[in-house]
Amino acid sequence: MANGPKNRIRTHATDEEGVAAWHQAAARDRRAVLTVDLTDEDIAAIEAREMRPGFEHLNIEVDDA
C-alpha cells in the first residue's frame, strides 16, 4: 500500500506541470465565445460541421426542440 496513488511523492514542479498540462488540454477541447461575436462565416462553418461517429444519441437534444 505504500506505493498507492495517495502515497506518491509530489513535488512543486510536477504539480505545476500537471496543472499546466490540464489547462492546455482543456483549452484545446473547448472555447467560450459569445454568439453575438460570431460572423456569418463562423455560423456557416459551424452549420457545415459533422459530428464524429458515436455521438448520434445527442441528436435527441436538438430533435425535441
N, C-alpha and C. Protein backbone atom coordinates (compact mmCIF):
# COMPACT_ATOMS: atom_id res chain seq x y z
N MET A 1 0.80 -1.21 0.00
CA MET A 1 0.00 0.00 0.00
C MET A 1 0.84 1.27 0.00
N ALA A 2 2.10 1.15 0.33
CA ALA A 2 2.95 2.33 0.37
C ALA A 2 3.12 2.95 -1.01
N ASN A 3 2.90 2.19 -2.07
CA ASN A 3 3.08 2.70 -3.43
C ASN A 3 1.77 3.13 -4.07
N GLY A 4 0.70 3.20 -3.31
CA GLY A 4 -0.60 3.59 -3.86
C GLY A 4 -0.61 5.04 -4.30
N PRO A 5 -1.63 5.45 -5.05
CA PRO A 5 -1.67 6.81 -5.60
C PRO A 5 -1.70 7.89 -4.52
N LYS A 6 -2.26 7.61 -3.36
CA LYS A 6 -2.31 8.64 -2.31
C LYS A 6 -0.96 8.84 -1.66
N ASN A 7 -0.06 7.88 -1.81
CA ASN A 7 1.23 7.95 -1.14
C ASN A 7 2.37 8.36 -2.07
N ARG A 8 2.06 8.74 -3.30
CA ARG A 8 3.11 9.17 -4.22
C ARG A 8 3.70 10.48 -3.74
N ILE A 9 4.95 10.65 -3.99
CA ILE A 9 5.62 11.90 -3.62
C ILE A 9 5.40 12.89 -4.76
N ARG A 10 4.79 14.01 -4.43
CA ARG A 10 4.53 15.04 -5.43
C ARG A 10 5.43 16.23 -5.12
N THR A 11 6.07 16.74 -6.13
CA THR A 11 6.89 17.93 -5.94
C THR A 11 6.17 19.13 -6.54
N HIS A 12 6.62 20.29 -6.20
CA HIS A 12 6.01 21.51 -6.72
C HIS A 12 6.09 21.53 -8.25
N ALA A 13 7.22 21.08 -8.80
CA ALA A 13 7.40 21.10 -10.26
C ALA A 13 6.42 20.16 -10.95
N THR A 14 6.24 18.95 -10.41
CA THR A 14 5.31 18.03 -11.07
C THR A 14 3.88 18.50 -10.92
N ASP A 15 3.56 19.13 -9.82
CA ASP A 15 2.21 19.67 -9.67
C ASP A 15 1.96 20.77 -10.69
N GLU A 16 2.91 21.67 -10.86
CA GLU A 16 2.76 22.75 -11.83
C GLU A 16 2.65 22.19 -13.25
N GLU A 17 3.44 21.20 -13.57
CA GLU A 17 3.39 20.58 -14.90
C GLU A 17 2.04 19.93 -15.14
N GLY A 18 1.55 19.24 -14.13
CA GLY A 18 0.25 18.58 -14.27
C GLY A 18 -0.88 19.57 -14.45
N VAL A 19 -0.85 20.64 -13.68
CA VAL A 19 -1.88 21.66 -13.80
C VAL A 19 -1.78 22.35 -15.15
N ALA A 20 -0.58 22.67 -15.59
CA ALA A 20 -0.40 23.32 -16.89
C ALA A 20 -0.87 22.41 -18.01
N ALA A 21 -0.56 21.13 -17.93
CA ALA A 21 -0.99 20.18 -18.97
C ALA A 21 -2.51 20.08 -19.00
N TRP A 22 -3.13 20.08 -17.83
CA TRP A 22 -4.59 20.01 -17.77
C TRP A 22 -5.22 21.24 -18.41
N HIS A 23 -4.67 22.42 -18.11
CA HIS A 23 -5.21 23.65 -18.68
C HIS A 23 -5.02 23.68 -20.19
N GLN A 24 -3.88 23.19 -20.68
CA GLN A 24 -3.65 23.16 -22.12
C GLN A 24 -4.63 22.22 -22.80
N ALA A 25 -4.86 21.06 -22.20
CA ALA A 25 -5.81 20.10 -22.78
C ALA A 25 -7.21 20.68 -22.78
N ALA A 26 -7.59 21.34 -21.70
CA ALA A 26 -8.92 21.93 -21.61
C ALA A 26 -9.09 23.04 -22.65
N ALA A 27 -8.06 23.83 -22.86
CA ALA A 27 -8.13 24.92 -23.83
C ALA A 27 -8.26 24.38 -25.25
N ARG A 28 -7.61 23.25 -25.54
CA ARG A 28 -7.72 22.64 -26.87
C ARG A 28 -9.12 22.11 -27.11
N ASP A 29 -9.77 21.63 -26.07
CA ASP A 29 -11.05 20.97 -26.23
C ASP A 29 -12.23 21.92 -26.41
N ARG A 30 -12.17 23.09 -25.80
CA ARG A 30 -13.32 23.97 -25.87
C ARG A 30 -12.93 25.43 -25.68
N ARG A 31 -13.76 26.28 -26.24
CA ARG A 31 -13.60 27.72 -26.07
C ARG A 31 -14.97 28.31 -25.79
N ALA A 32 -15.01 29.37 -25.04
CA ALA A 32 -16.25 30.10 -24.80
C ALA A 32 -16.26 31.30 -25.73
N VAL A 33 -17.34 31.44 -26.50
CA VAL A 33 -17.47 32.53 -27.45
C VAL A 33 -18.89 33.08 -27.33
N LEU A 34 -19.01 34.38 -27.31
CA LEU A 34 -20.34 34.98 -27.32
C LEU A 34 -20.95 34.83 -28.70
N THR A 35 -22.19 34.40 -28.76
CA THR A 35 -22.82 34.20 -30.06
C THR A 35 -22.94 35.50 -30.84
N VAL A 36 -23.05 36.62 -30.15
CA VAL A 36 -23.15 37.91 -30.86
C VAL A 36 -21.85 38.26 -31.56
N ASP A 37 -20.76 37.61 -31.18
CA ASP A 37 -19.47 37.88 -31.80
C ASP A 37 -19.21 37.00 -33.04
N LEU A 38 -20.10 36.07 -33.34
CA LEU A 38 -19.91 35.19 -34.49
C LEU A 38 -20.22 35.93 -35.78
N THR A 39 -19.36 35.71 -36.76
CA THR A 39 -19.60 36.29 -38.08
C THR A 39 -20.47 35.33 -38.88
N ASP A 40 -20.96 35.77 -40.02
CA ASP A 40 -21.74 34.89 -40.89
C ASP A 40 -20.89 33.70 -41.34
N GLU A 41 -19.59 33.94 -41.55
CA GLU A 41 -18.69 32.85 -41.94
C GLU A 41 -18.55 31.83 -40.81
N ASP A 42 -18.44 32.32 -39.57
CA ASP A 42 -18.36 31.41 -38.42
C ASP A 42 -19.60 30.54 -38.34
N ILE A 43 -20.77 31.15 -38.48
CA ILE A 43 -22.03 30.41 -38.39
C ILE A 43 -22.12 29.37 -39.50
N ALA A 44 -21.72 29.76 -40.71
CA ALA A 44 -21.75 28.80 -41.83
C ALA A 44 -20.80 27.64 -41.57
N ALA A 45 -19.63 27.90 -41.01
CA ALA A 45 -18.67 26.83 -40.71
C ALA A 45 -19.22 25.89 -39.64
N ILE A 46 -19.89 26.44 -38.64
CA ILE A 46 -20.49 25.60 -37.59
C ILE A 46 -21.60 24.74 -38.16
N GLU A 47 -22.45 25.35 -38.99
CA GLU A 47 -23.56 24.60 -39.59
C GLU A 47 -23.07 23.48 -40.51
N ALA A 48 -21.91 23.66 -41.13
CA ALA A 48 -21.38 22.67 -42.05
C ALA A 48 -20.68 21.51 -41.35
N ARG A 49 -20.38 21.67 -40.06
CA ARG A 49 -19.65 20.62 -39.33
C ARG A 49 -20.49 19.37 -39.18
N GLU A 50 -19.81 18.24 -39.13
CA GLU A 50 -20.46 16.95 -38.90
C GLU A 50 -19.95 16.39 -37.59
N MET A 51 -20.83 15.73 -36.87
CA MET A 51 -20.46 15.13 -35.60
C MET A 51 -19.69 13.85 -35.85
N ARG A 52 -18.68 13.60 -35.00
CA ARG A 52 -17.93 12.35 -35.10
C ARG A 52 -18.84 11.17 -34.78
N PRO A 53 -18.60 10.02 -35.39
CA PRO A 53 -19.40 8.83 -35.09
C PRO A 53 -19.35 8.50 -33.60
N GLY A 54 -20.48 8.03 -33.10
CA GLY A 54 -20.57 7.63 -31.71
C GLY A 54 -21.33 8.62 -30.85
N PHE A 55 -21.70 9.77 -31.40
CA PHE A 55 -22.42 10.78 -30.62
C PHE A 55 -23.85 10.99 -31.14
N GLU A 56 -24.34 10.06 -31.92
CA GLU A 56 -25.68 10.19 -32.51
C GLU A 56 -26.76 10.32 -31.44
N HIS A 57 -26.53 9.74 -30.28
CA HIS A 57 -27.53 9.80 -29.21
C HIS A 57 -27.78 11.24 -28.74
N LEU A 58 -26.88 12.15 -29.04
CA LEU A 58 -27.07 13.54 -28.65
C LEU A 58 -28.05 14.27 -29.56
N ASN A 59 -28.39 13.68 -30.70
CA ASN A 59 -29.32 14.32 -31.62
C ASN A 59 -30.68 14.56 -30.97
N ILE A 60 -31.04 13.73 -30.01
CA ILE A 60 -32.33 13.90 -29.33
C ILE A 60 -32.41 15.24 -28.65
N GLU A 61 -31.27 15.81 -28.26
CA GLU A 61 -31.24 17.11 -27.61
C GLU A 61 -31.75 18.21 -28.54
N VAL A 62 -31.50 18.10 -29.82
CA VAL A 62 -31.93 19.14 -30.76
C VAL A 62 -33.20 18.74 -31.53
N ASP A 63 -33.46 17.43 -31.62
CA ASP A 63 -34.65 16.97 -32.34
C ASP A 63 -35.94 17.29 -31.60
N ASP A 64 -35.88 17.41 -30.28
CA ASP A 64 -37.07 17.70 -29.49
C ASP A 64 -37.45 19.17 -29.52
N ALA A 65 -36.57 20.01 -29.99
CA ALA A 65 -36.82 21.47 -29.95
C ALA A 65 -37.85 21.90 -30.94
